[in-house]
Amino acid sequence: MNQYAIECRQVTKTFGTVVANDGIDLNVRYGEILALLGENGSGKTTLMNMLSGVYHPDKGKILVDGKEVSIRSPEDAMALGIGMIYQHFKLVDVFTAMDNIALGTPGGRLPVKALREKVREIGQSVGLEIDPDQYVYDMSVSEKQTVEILKVLYRGQRILILDEPTAVLTPQETEKLFAILRKMREQGCAVIIITHKLGEVMEISDRVSILRKGKYVGTVVTAETNEKELTERMVGRPVSLAIQRDEPQDPQVILKAIDLTIRKPDGSVAIDDLSFEVRTGEILGIAGIAGSGQKELCEALAGLCPAQKGAVLYHKENLIGKSPREIFQLGVHLGFVPEDRLGMGLVASMGMVGNMMLKTYDQTKGPFIDKKPARAQAEQLVEQLRIVTPSVDTPVRMMSGGNVQKVLLGREIASDPQVLITAYPVRGLDINSSYTVYDLLGEQKKKGVAILYIGEDLDVLLELCDRILVLCHGQATGVVDARTTTKDEIALLMTGGGKGAQA
């Protein structure tokens, strides 16, 4: 067997006039975890999509086990032993774990008893635990990821590609995933992991390959580098990795939730009797395991879903029961950066200009809409946030996930809100873009804007926020001072293991 599991030689891929990958050289060995780093739009996912058969290279060669191959479909990749786990899982919600694992497997499906036993056996071999008969719609995010990994192993694939696998995992779930990846490395698998979290890169990888603007920068041994060097090589210049947190100036309560109860569409309780305050010139962080009610809370505050009980007071005006338009007409300038970027946040088929106008079209006087202000605003955001797009009229669905997030956040900040609600605003963003977002939020804080920040990176929550509200199964387990608490204390509160002091 060749030293390399996969080898890319001068691989090039273009989309129209955009060169996504320009002569990329890359390799990964069996028994190794390779981290792939790069800014948003640097070509990481495009390259991995060529290895998994979604795209085909325009130029260059791909070798598997030392032999040149043509990967023209996911079936070809599967036959070569390559499996990719996407950031957005490819599972059928109404099927069980066992059904999803067996779905599309060449050679037909095993009898139920034999299939169930094989799934359990494969899981035990790498330390994975899953109920084969559990339906996907009843699973947590980490359980769904477990099913995706088992799908790859069930098919006998020894080359595993993971795209942002920890984006929605808690610290405990991330540690569990890393233990699984280490076990797979010990068993001789080749693992490629795309992540923007440099701490994870340093913890889990053996080597790091870096892309910048579609070009290959180089590969370094993880033990011989550090986060600062990786960031500079990725961005091409020195970048400060410090978050500036100024003290709140005369914070006043502007938004107050009282005994708030919200149900999910299936009738189960998402938020249970929750009370908290949001203050001007302050960032209130919300920490919790995925699915602890964060999504429903944001949507209720923004007027997008009803609450069964309680109140949300803006000064003395109750916002519950009011639509987003009615909330705006009350003079409440509320910016909302939802978890769902395309659909609830932006219209995928429209460009930046059209999406900018969604916030202001109803203020137009006369029969004609003037696009010039929206165009100027879009062009300003492209420069300010370094958004990679052919033009401000290109449909946002053609942008990378990170650039879409920049458009959404930039639009909301440009609307000059009094209260800004942000749900995972840096999810999928590269390190440089993430710190740009932290700086933008810090500037809004200085202006007296009240900010609600829902995040998954506890280190960032501790550095960026002033106070942190911790949720567990829709209930508050504590409101802590971000300056004096610890990551371990928050992680304990996230699992219901204790009560935090009220800050």
Protein backbone atom coordinates (compact mmCIF):
# COMPACT_ATOMS: atom_id res chain seq x y z
CA MET A 1 0.00 0.00 0.00
CA ASN A 2 1.26 3.49 -0.88
CA GLN A 3 2.38 5.80 1.88
CA TYR A 4 -0.50 8.15 1.08
CA ALA A 5 -4.17 7.29 1.30
CA ILE A 6 -5.03 10.29 -0.91
CA GLU A 7 -2.78 12.55 -2.93
CA CYS A 8 -3.85 15.65 -4.89
CA ARG A 9 -1.49 16.94 -7.56
CA GLN A 10 -2.08 20.38 -9.05
CA VAL A 11 -5.86 20.05 -8.69
CA THR A 12 -7.76 23.00 -10.18
CA LYS A 13 -11.47 23.80 -10.15
CA THR A 14 -13.22 26.88 -11.56
CA PHE A 15 -16.81 28.10 -11.50
CA GLY A 16 -17.22 30.60 -14.30
CA THR A 17 -14.62 33.29 -13.67
CA VAL A 18 -14.02 32.22 -10.07
CA VAL A 19 -11.01 29.96 -9.47
CA ALA A 20 -12.00 28.00 -6.36
CA ASN A 21 -8.92 25.73 -6.35
CA ASP A 22 -5.75 26.74 -8.15
CA GLY A 23 -3.15 23.98 -8.52
CA ILE A 24 -3.65 22.39 -5.08
CA ASP A 25 -1.14 19.83 -3.77
CA LEU A 26 -2.36 17.87 -0.76
CA ASN A 27 -1.85 14.46 0.82
CA VAL A 28 -2.96 12.45 3.83
CA ARG A 29 -1.57 9.19 5.18
CA TYR A 30 -3.32 6.21 6.71
CA GLY A 31 -3.12 6.37 10.50
CA GLU A 32 -3.11 10.17 10.46
CA ILE A 33 -5.47 13.08 11.19
CA LEU A 34 -4.90 16.01 8.81
CA ALA A 35 -6.51 19.38 9.59
CA LEU A 36 -7.43 21.60 6.63
CA LEU A 37 -7.37 25.33 7.40
CA GLY A 38 -8.31 28.37 5.36
CA GLU A 39 -10.45 31.49 5.39
CA ASN A 40 -14.03 31.41 4.12
CA GLY A 41 -13.93 31.06 0.35
CA SER A 42 -10.38 29.65 0.35
CA GLY A 43 -11.53 26.47 -1.42
CA LYS A 44 -11.53 23.90 1.41
CA THR A 45 -15.01 22.50 0.85
CA THR A 46 -14.64 22.61 -2.94
CA LEU A 47 -11.49 20.47 -2.69
CA MET A 48 -13.18 17.98 -0.36
CA ASN A 49 -16.22 17.86 -2.66
CA MET A 50 -13.91 16.72 -5.46
CA LEU A 51 -12.54 13.95 -3.25
CA SER A 52 -16.09 12.85 -2.38
CA GLY A 53 -17.36 12.92 -5.98
CA VAL A 54 -19.64 15.96 -5.85
CA TYR A 55 -17.38 17.93 -8.23
CA HIS A 56 -14.80 16.82 -10.78
CA PRO A 57 -11.43 18.59 -11.21
CA ASP A 58 -10.88 20.71 -14.33
CA LYS A 59 -7.14 19.97 -14.13
CA GLY A 60 -4.76 17.90 -12.05
CA LYS A 61 -4.70 14.39 -10.63
CA ILE A 62 -6.17 12.60 -7.63
CA LEU A 63 -4.43 9.43 -6.44
CA VAL A 64 -5.87 6.89 -3.99
CA ASP A 65 -3.45 4.28 -2.64
CA GLY A 66 -0.89 5.49 -5.18
CA LYS A 67 -3.12 4.97 -8.24
CA GLU A 68 -4.63 7.79 -10.29
CA VAL A 69 -8.43 7.68 -10.09
CA SER A 70 -11.42 9.47 -11.60
CA ILE A 71 -14.04 10.31 -8.96
CA ARG A 72 -17.15 11.40 -10.84
CA SER A 73 -19.82 10.58 -8.27
CA PRO A 74 -20.26 9.85 -4.55
CA GLU A 75 -20.64 6.19 -5.59
CA ASP A 76 -17.14 6.28 -7.08
CA ALA A 77 -15.80 7.80 -3.85
CA MET A 78 -17.57 5.15 -1.78
CA ALA A 79 -16.07 2.37 -3.89
CA LEU A 80 -12.61 3.87 -3.30
CA GLY A 81 -13.15 3.89 0.47
CA ILE A 82 -13.79 7.65 0.81
CA GLY A 83 -16.61 8.89 3.05
CA MET A 84 -17.55 12.51 3.79
CA ILE A 85 -19.57 13.79 6.74
CA TYR A 86 -21.05 17.17 5.91
CA GLN A 87 -21.72 20.02 8.33
CA HIS A 88 -25.42 19.62 7.50
CA PHE A 89 -26.14 15.94 7.98
CA LYS A 90 -27.56 13.83 5.13
CA LEU A 91 -30.04 11.76 7.10
CA VAL A 92 -33.71 10.82 6.63
CA ASP A 93 -35.47 12.07 9.77
CA VAL A 94 -38.33 9.56 9.67
CA PHE A 95 -35.94 6.58 9.38
CA THR A 96 -34.18 4.84 12.25
CA ALA A 97 -30.42 4.92 12.77
CA MET A 98 -30.19 1.41 11.36
CA ASP A 99 -32.23 2.32 8.26
CA ASN A 100 -30.06 5.37 7.56
CA ILE A 101 -26.85 3.39 7.96
CA ALA A 102 -28.00 0.70 5.53
CA LEU A 103 -29.55 3.15 3.03
CA GLY A 104 -27.80 3.09 -0.35
CA THR A 105 -25.34 0.38 0.63
CA PRO A 106 -24.21 -1.66 -2.38
CA GLY A 107 -25.08 -5.36 -2.31
CA GLY A 108 -28.46 -5.03 -0.63
CA ARG A 109 -29.62 -4.84 2.96
CA LEU A 110 -28.89 -7.45 5.63
CA PRO A 111 -31.75 -9.05 7.59
CA VAL A 112 -32.86 -6.81 10.48
CA LYS A 113 -31.31 -8.93 13.25
CA ALA A 114 -27.96 -9.25 11.48
CA LEU A 115 -27.95 -5.54 10.55
CA ARG A 116 -28.68 -4.47 14.13
CA GLU A 117 -25.87 -6.67 15.44
CA LYS A 118 -23.39 -5.41 12.85
CA VAL A 119 -24.19 -1.77 13.64
CA ARG A 120 -23.63 -2.41 17.35
CA GLU A 121 -20.40 -4.28 16.64
CA ILE A 122 -18.98 -1.48 14.46
CA GLY A 123 -19.95 1.12 17.05
CA GLN A 124 -18.26 -0.77 19.87
CA SER A 125 -15.05 -1.09 17.82
CA VAL A 126 -14.50 2.71 17.94
CA GLY A 127 -16.34 3.53 21.16
CA LEU A 128 -19.61 4.70 19.57
CA GLU A 129 -22.91 4.05 21.28
CA ILE A 130 -26.21 4.34 19.42
CA ASP A 131 -29.63 2.74 19.61
CA PRO A 132 -30.06 1.19 16.14
CA ASP A 133 -33.87 1.48 16.41
CA GLN A 134 -33.98 5.17 17.43
CA TYR A 135 -35.55 7.54 14.91
CA VAL A 136 -33.41 10.43 13.65
CA TYR A 137 -36.04 13.03 14.57
CA ASP A 138 -35.63 12.01 18.23
CA MET A 139 -31.83 12.36 18.20
CA SER A 140 -29.54 15.08 19.50
CA VAL A 141 -27.01 16.66 17.14
CA SER A 142 -24.18 14.49 18.46
CA GLU A 143 -26.30 11.34 18.03
CA LYS A 144 -26.97 12.28 14.40
CA GLN A 145 -23.24 12.75 13.89
CA THR A 146 -22.68 9.29 15.38
CA VAL A 147 -25.03 7.84 12.76
CA GLU A 148 -23.11 9.62 9.99
CA ILE A 149 -19.81 8.16 11.22
CA LEU A 150 -21.33 4.68 11.49
CA LYS A 151 -22.60 5.01 7.90
CA VAL A 152 -19.02 5.51 6.74
CA LEU A 153 -17.63 2.65 8.82
CA TYR A 154 -20.46 0.29 7.85
CA ARG A 155 -19.50 0.70 4.20
CA GLY A 156 -15.90 -0.14 4.98
CA GLN A 157 -14.57 3.31 4.09
CA ARG A 158 -11.11 3.97 5.54
CA ILE A 159 -10.72 7.58 4.39
CA LEU A 160 -12.95 9.92 6.39
CA ILE A 161 -13.56 13.62 5.65
CA LEU A 162 -15.38 15.76 8.25
CA ASP A 163 -16.59 19.30 7.44
CA GLU A 164 -16.86 21.46 10.60
CA PRO A 165 -17.81 18.44 12.75
CA THR A 166 -17.80 20.32 16.07
CA ALA A 167 -19.78 23.38 14.92
CA VAL A 168 -22.86 22.47 16.99
CA LEU A 169 -21.31 20.23 19.67
CA THR A 170 -20.83 20.97 23.36
CA PRO A 171 -17.29 20.67 24.81
CA GLN A 172 -18.21 17.26 26.25
CA GLU A 173 -19.53 16.05 22.88
CA THR A 174 -16.43 17.38 21.12
CA GLU A 175 -14.17 15.41 23.47
CA LYS A 176 -16.21 12.29 22.75
CA LEU A 177 -15.88 12.85 18.99
CA PHE A 178 -12.12 13.36 19.27
CA ALA A 179 -11.79 10.11 21.22
CA ILE A 180 -13.57 8.34 18.35
CA LEU A 181 -11.32 9.96 15.72
CA ARG A 182 -8.21 8.94 17.67
CA LYS A 183 -9.51 5.38 17.81
CA MET A 184 -10.07 5.43 14.04
CA ARG A 185 -6.53 6.73 13.55
CA GLU A 186 -5.21 3.85 15.67
CA GLN A 187 -7.10 1.44 13.43
CA GLY A 188 -5.31 2.82 10.37
CA CYS A 189 -7.94 5.18 8.96
CA ALA A 190 -6.98 8.43 7.22
CA VAL A 191 -8.95 11.40 8.60
CA ILE A 192 -9.26 14.90 7.13
CA ILE A 193 -10.99 17.45 9.35
CA ILE A 194 -12.06 20.95 8.27
CA THR A 195 -12.40 23.28 11.25
CA HIS A 196 -11.94 26.97 12.04
CA LYS A 197 -11.27 26.30 15.73
CA LEU A 198 -7.52 26.51 16.14
CA GLY A 199 -7.58 25.01 19.63
CA GLU A 200 -9.14 21.88 18.15
CA VAL A 201 -6.58 21.83 15.34
CA MET A 202 -3.76 21.83 17.88
CA GLU A 203 -5.46 19.13 19.99
CA ILE A 204 -6.54 16.57 17.41
CA SER A 205 -4.38 16.83 14.27
CA ASP A 206 -0.99 15.39 13.32
CA ARG A 207 -0.40 17.78 10.42
CA VAL A 208 -2.11 20.94 9.14
CA SER A 209 -2.51 21.93 5.48
CA ILE A 210 -3.38 25.55 4.74
CA LEU A 211 -5.22 27.11 1.79
CA ARG A 212 -5.45 30.82 1.02
CA LYS A 213 -7.59 32.32 -1.74
CA GLY A 214 -7.80 29.00 -3.55
CA LYS A 215 -4.06 28.31 -3.42
CA TYR A 216 -2.04 25.83 -1.39
CA VAL A 217 0.13 27.62 1.19
CA GLY A 218 1.83 24.64 2.80
CA THR A 219 1.65 21.84 5.35
CA VAL A 220 3.15 21.89 8.84
CA VAL A 221 3.54 19.33 11.63
CA THR A 222 1.11 20.33 14.37
CA ALA A 223 3.59 19.74 17.18
CA GLU A 224 6.00 22.20 15.52
CA THR A 225 3.61 25.16 15.16
CA ASN A 226 1.17 27.30 17.20
CA GLU A 227 -2.13 29.12 16.77
CA LYS A 228 -0.51 32.47 16.00
CA GLU A 229 1.67 31.04 13.21
CA LEU A 230 -1.26 29.12 11.71
CA THR A 231 -3.41 32.24 11.68
CA GLU A 232 -0.72 34.32 9.99
CA ARG A 233 -0.15 31.69 7.31
CA MET A 234 -3.88 31.34 6.73
CA VAL A 235 -4.59 35.08 6.50
CA GLY A 236 -1.26 36.18 5.04
CA ARG A 237 -0.57 38.78 7.72
CA PRO A 238 -0.37 39.08 11.54
CA VAL A 239 -3.77 38.88 13.29
CA SER A 240 -4.51 39.68 16.92
CA LEU A 241 -6.28 36.83 18.72
CA ALA A 242 -7.46 39.00 21.62
CA ILE A 243 -11.09 40.01 22.10
CA GLN A 244 -11.48 43.57 23.36
CA ARG A 245 -14.12 43.70 26.10
CA ASP A 246 -14.93 47.16 27.43
CA GLU A 247 -16.84 47.67 30.65
CA PRO A 248 -20.56 48.46 30.14
CA GLN A 249 -21.29 52.17 30.58
CA ASP A 250 -24.40 52.84 32.69
CA PRO A 251 -26.27 49.65 31.65
CA GLN A 252 -30.06 49.95 31.84
CA VAL A 253 -32.63 47.19 31.45
CA ILE A 254 -34.17 47.54 27.99
CA LEU A 255 -35.65 44.05 27.46
CA LYS A 256 -37.05 41.87 30.22
CA ALA A 257 -38.44 38.34 29.93
CA ILE A 258 -40.83 37.30 32.71
CA ASP A 259 -41.92 33.68 33.28
CA LEU A 260 -41.60 32.93 29.57
CA THR A 261 -42.85 29.54 28.35
CA ILE A 262 -42.55 28.50 24.68
CA ARG A 263 -43.51 25.23 23.04
CA LYS A 264 -42.04 23.52 19.99
CA PRO A 265 -44.27 22.66 16.98
CA ASP A 266 -44.68 19.12 18.34
CA GLY A 267 -46.08 20.48 21.61
CA SER A 268 -43.07 19.76 23.80
CA VAL A 269 -41.69 22.54 26.01
CA ALA A 270 -38.73 24.45 24.52
CA ILE A 271 -38.49 27.25 27.12
CA ASP A 272 -39.86 26.63 30.59
CA ASP A 273 -40.77 29.58 32.86
CA LEU A 274 -37.67 31.60 31.93
CA SER A 275 -36.91 35.09 33.28
CA PHE A 276 -33.91 37.29 32.47
CA GLU A 277 -32.87 40.86 31.63
CA VAL A 278 -31.00 42.37 28.67
CA ARG A 279 -29.24 45.67 29.37
CA THR A 280 -28.03 48.50 27.16
CA GLY A 281 -24.31 48.59 26.37
CA GLU A 282 -23.92 44.99 27.46
CA ILE A 283 -23.51 41.60 25.82
CA LEU A 284 -25.57 38.88 27.45
CA GLY A 285 -24.35 35.46 26.35
CA ILE A 286 -26.54 32.37 26.26
CA ALA A 287 -24.86 29.00 26.71
CA GLY A 288 -26.50 25.60 26.48
CA ILE A 289 -26.37 22.22 24.81
CA ALA A 290 -27.83 22.33 21.30
CA GLY A 291 -31.61 22.04 21.44
CA SER A 292 -31.98 23.64 24.88
CA GLY A 293 -34.49 26.18 23.54
CA GLN A 294 -32.12 28.75 22.06
CA LYS A 295 -33.81 28.80 18.64
CA GLU A 296 -37.33 29.14 20.02
CA LEU A 297 -36.26 31.86 22.46
CA CYS A 298 -34.73 33.97 19.69
CA GLU A 299 -37.77 33.59 17.45
CA ALA A 300 -40.17 34.52 20.25
CA LEU A 301 -38.19 37.67 21.09
CA ALA A 302 -38.21 38.65 17.42
CA GLY A 303 -41.97 38.10 17.08
CA LEU A 304 -41.60 35.06 14.83
CA CYS A 305 -43.21 32.44 17.09
CA PRO A 306 -45.80 32.63 19.89
CA ALA A 307 -45.25 32.14 23.60
CA GLN A 308 -47.76 30.19 25.65
CA LYS A 309 -47.08 32.12 28.84
CA GLY A 310 -45.23 35.10 30.22
CA ALA A 311 -44.14 38.45 28.85
CA VAL A 312 -41.23 40.17 27.09
CA LEU A 313 -41.19 43.83 28.05
CA TYR A 314 -39.44 46.48 25.99
CA HIS A 315 -39.43 49.18 28.64
CA LYS A 316 -43.11 48.68 29.66
CA GLU A 317 -44.49 47.44 26.32
CA ASN A 318 -45.17 43.69 26.04
CA LEU A 319 -43.85 42.36 22.72
CA ILE A 320 -45.39 38.89 23.04
CA GLY A 321 -48.17 38.41 20.50
CA LYS A 322 -46.90 41.16 18.22
CA SER A 323 -45.54 40.56 14.71
CA PRO A 324 -42.07 41.77 13.64
CA ARG A 325 -43.76 44.66 11.77
CA GLU A 326 -45.79 45.66 14.84
CA ILE A 327 -42.65 45.52 16.97
CA PHE A 328 -40.88 47.82 14.50
CA GLN A 329 -43.83 50.24 14.42
CA LEU A 330 -43.54 50.56 18.22
CA GLY A 331 -40.09 52.03 17.60
CA VAL A 332 -38.26 48.90 18.67
CA HIS A 333 -35.34 48.56 16.25
CA LEU A 334 -34.53 44.91 16.79
CA GLY A 335 -31.84 43.20 14.73
CA PHE A 336 -32.07 39.42 14.41
CA VAL A 337 -29.32 37.10 13.12
CA PRO A 338 -31.04 33.69 13.08
CA GLU A 339 -29.48 30.23 13.19
CA ASP A 340 -31.05 29.47 9.79
CA ARG A 341 -29.12 31.76 7.44
CA LEU A 342 -30.93 30.90 4.22
CA GLY A 343 -34.68 30.83 4.55
CA MET A 344 -35.34 32.71 7.77
CA GLY A 345 -32.37 35.06 7.37
CA LEU A 346 -31.77 35.71 3.68
CA VAL A 347 -33.45 34.89 0.37
CA ALA A 348 -31.07 32.46 -1.32
CA SER A 349 -31.99 33.43 -4.91
CA MET A 350 -31.40 37.15 -4.34
CA GLY A 351 -28.12 39.03 -4.30
CA MET A 352 -26.79 41.22 -1.52
CA VAL A 353 -28.62 44.29 -2.86
CA GLY A 354 -32.01 42.58 -2.81
CA ASN A 355 -31.41 41.15 0.65
CA MET A 356 -30.39 44.57 1.97
CA MET A 357 -33.66 46.01 0.68
CA LEU A 358 -35.74 43.45 2.60
CA LYS A 359 -35.23 45.57 5.73
CA THR A 360 -36.27 48.87 4.12
CA TYR A 361 -38.57 48.24 1.14
CA ASP A 362 -41.73 49.14 3.10
CA GLN A 363 -40.29 52.57 3.86
CA THR A 364 -40.11 53.47 0.17
CA LYS A 365 -42.22 56.46 -0.87
CA GLY A 366 -43.78 56.47 -4.32
CA PRO A 367 -44.20 53.69 -6.90
CA PHE A 368 -40.50 53.19 -7.63
CA ILE A 369 -37.83 51.58 -5.48
CA ASP A 370 -34.44 53.27 -5.35
CA LYS A 371 -31.75 50.57 -5.20
CA LYS A 372 -28.82 52.96 -4.91
CA PRO A 373 -28.69 53.17 -1.07
CA ALA A 374 -28.91 49.36 -0.77
CA ARG A 375 -26.20 48.90 -3.40
CA ALA A 376 -23.90 51.37 -1.65
CA GLN A 377 -24.54 49.59 1.66
CA ALA A 378 -23.81 46.18 0.12
CA GLU A 379 -20.55 47.39 -1.44
CA GLN A 380 -19.51 48.90 1.88
CA LEU A 381 -20.13 45.57 3.66
CA VAL A 382 -18.11 43.67 1.04
CA GLU A 383 -15.11 45.83 1.86
CA GLN A 384 -15.66 46.09 5.61
CA LEU A 385 -16.27 42.37 6.21
CA ARG A 386 -14.12 41.09 3.32
CA ILE A 387 -17.06 39.24 1.76
CA VAL A 388 -15.98 37.04 -1.16
CA THR A 389 -18.52 37.32 -4.01
CA PRO A 390 -18.27 37.99 -7.77
CA SER A 391 -20.67 40.94 -7.36
CA VAL A 392 -23.28 42.34 -4.98
CA ASP A 393 -25.95 41.03 -7.37
CA THR A 394 -24.74 37.40 -7.29
CA PRO A 395 -27.34 35.17 -5.54
CA VAL A 396 -26.21 34.55 -1.97
CA ARG A 397 -26.73 30.80 -2.45
CA MET A 398 -23.59 30.90 -4.61
CA MET A 399 -21.50 32.14 -1.65
CA SER A 400 -19.75 30.01 0.95
CA GLY A 401 -21.57 29.56 4.26
CA GLY A 402 -19.20 31.92 6.03
CA ASN A 403 -19.74 34.71 3.52
CA VAL A 404 -23.51 34.27 3.76
CA GLN A 405 -23.19 34.74 7.52
CA LYS A 406 -21.24 37.95 7.01
CA VAL A 407 -23.96 39.33 4.74
CA LEU A 408 -26.65 38.55 7.30
CA LEU A 409 -24.81 40.02 10.28
CA GLY A 410 -23.68 43.08 8.31
CA ARG A 411 -27.24 43.82 7.19
CA GLU A 412 -28.62 43.67 10.73
CA ILE A 413 -25.90 45.91 12.17
CA ALA A 414 -26.37 48.40 9.31
CA SER A 415 -30.04 48.74 10.33
CA ASP A 416 -28.86 50.53 13.50
CA PRO A 417 -30.69 48.34 16.05
CA GLN A 418 -31.40 49.14 19.71
CA VAL A 419 -31.45 45.44 20.56
CA LEU A 420 -29.40 42.92 18.56
CA ILE A 421 -30.15 39.20 18.83
CA THR A 422 -27.44 36.98 17.36
CA ALA A 423 -27.69 33.18 17.14
CA TYR A 424 -24.30 31.57 16.44
CA PRO A 425 -23.04 34.59 14.43
CA VAL A 426 -19.55 33.13 13.84
CA ARG A 427 -20.61 29.56 13.05
CA GLY A 428 -18.66 28.51 9.95
CA LEU A 429 -16.53 31.67 9.90
CA ASP A 430 -12.75 31.55 9.68
CA ILE A 431 -10.66 32.90 12.54
CA ASN A 432 -10.04 36.31 10.95
CA SER A 433 -13.72 36.84 10.10
CA SER A 434 -14.75 35.68 13.58
CA TYR A 435 -12.62 38.35 15.22
CA THR A 436 -14.02 40.94 12.82
CA VAL A 437 -17.49 39.98 14.08
CA TYR A 438 -16.38 40.23 17.73
CA ASP A 439 -15.03 43.72 17.00
CA LEU A 440 -18.31 44.72 15.31
CA LEU A 441 -20.32 43.53 18.30
CA GLY A 442 -17.96 45.40 20.61
CA GLU A 443 -18.54 48.60 18.61
CA GLN A 444 -22.32 48.14 18.87
CA LYS A 445 -21.94 47.63 22.61
CA LYS A 446 -20.07 50.96 22.89
CA LYS A 447 -23.00 52.65 21.13
CA GLY A 448 -25.31 51.41 23.87
CA VAL A 449 -26.88 48.58 21.88
CA ALA A 450 -28.20 45.69 24.00
CA ILE A 451 -26.83 42.44 22.55
CA LEU A 452 -28.00 38.88 23.06
CA TYR A 453 -25.25 36.49 21.92
CA ILE A 454 -25.97 32.77 21.57
CA GLY A 455 -22.75 30.84 21.04
CA GLU A 456 -21.24 27.39 21.38
CA ASP A 457 -17.57 28.25 22.03
CA LEU A 458 -17.29 28.68 25.80
CA ASP A 459 -13.89 30.38 25.55
CA VAL A 460 -15.42 33.08 23.32
CA LEU A 461 -18.45 33.47 25.58
CA LEU A 462 -16.12 34.05 28.53
CA GLU A 463 -13.98 36.61 26.67
CA LEU A 464 -16.71 38.48 24.78
CA CYS A 465 -19.75 38.61 27.07
CA ASP A 466 -20.43 40.52 30.26
CA ARG A 467 -22.94 38.06 31.71
CA ILE A 468 -23.87 34.53 30.62
CA LEU A 469 -27.31 32.95 30.98
CA VAL A 470 -26.99 29.14 31.03
CA LEU A 471 -29.85 26.95 29.77
CA CYS A 472 -30.51 23.26 30.36
CA HIS A 473 -33.60 21.70 28.77
CA GLY A 474 -35.21 25.12 28.41
CA GLN A 475 -34.67 26.18 32.02
CA ALA A 476 -32.18 28.66 33.45
CA THR A 477 -29.58 27.01 35.65
CA GLY A 478 -27.79 30.27 36.34
CA VAL A 479 -26.75 33.76 35.22
CA VAL A 480 -23.02 34.17 35.82
CA ASP A 481 -20.48 36.97 35.56
CA ALA A 482 -18.26 36.15 32.57
CA ARG A 483 -15.26 37.80 34.24
CA THR A 484 -15.28 35.59 37.32
CA THR A 485 -16.77 32.26 36.22
CA THR A 486 -14.93 29.34 34.61
CA LYS A 487 -15.51 27.12 31.59
CA ASP A 488 -15.93 24.09 33.85
CA GLU A 489 -18.63 25.85 35.87
CA ILE A 490 -20.58 26.73 32.72
CA ALA A 491 -20.22 23.22 31.31
CA LEU A 492 -21.59 21.82 34.58
CA LEU A 493 -24.56 24.20 34.49
CA MET A 494 -25.25 23.24 30.86
CA THR A 495 -25.89 19.66 31.97
CA GLY A 496 -28.01 20.67 34.96
CA GLY A 497 -25.29 19.86 37.45
CA GLY A 498 -25.63 22.75 39.87
CA LYS A 499 -27.05 26.25 40.21
CA GLY A 500 -25.14 29.38 39.29
CA ALA A 501 -25.28 32.65 41.16
CA GLN A 502 -27.41 35.44 39.68
CA ALA A 503 -25.18 38.12 38.11
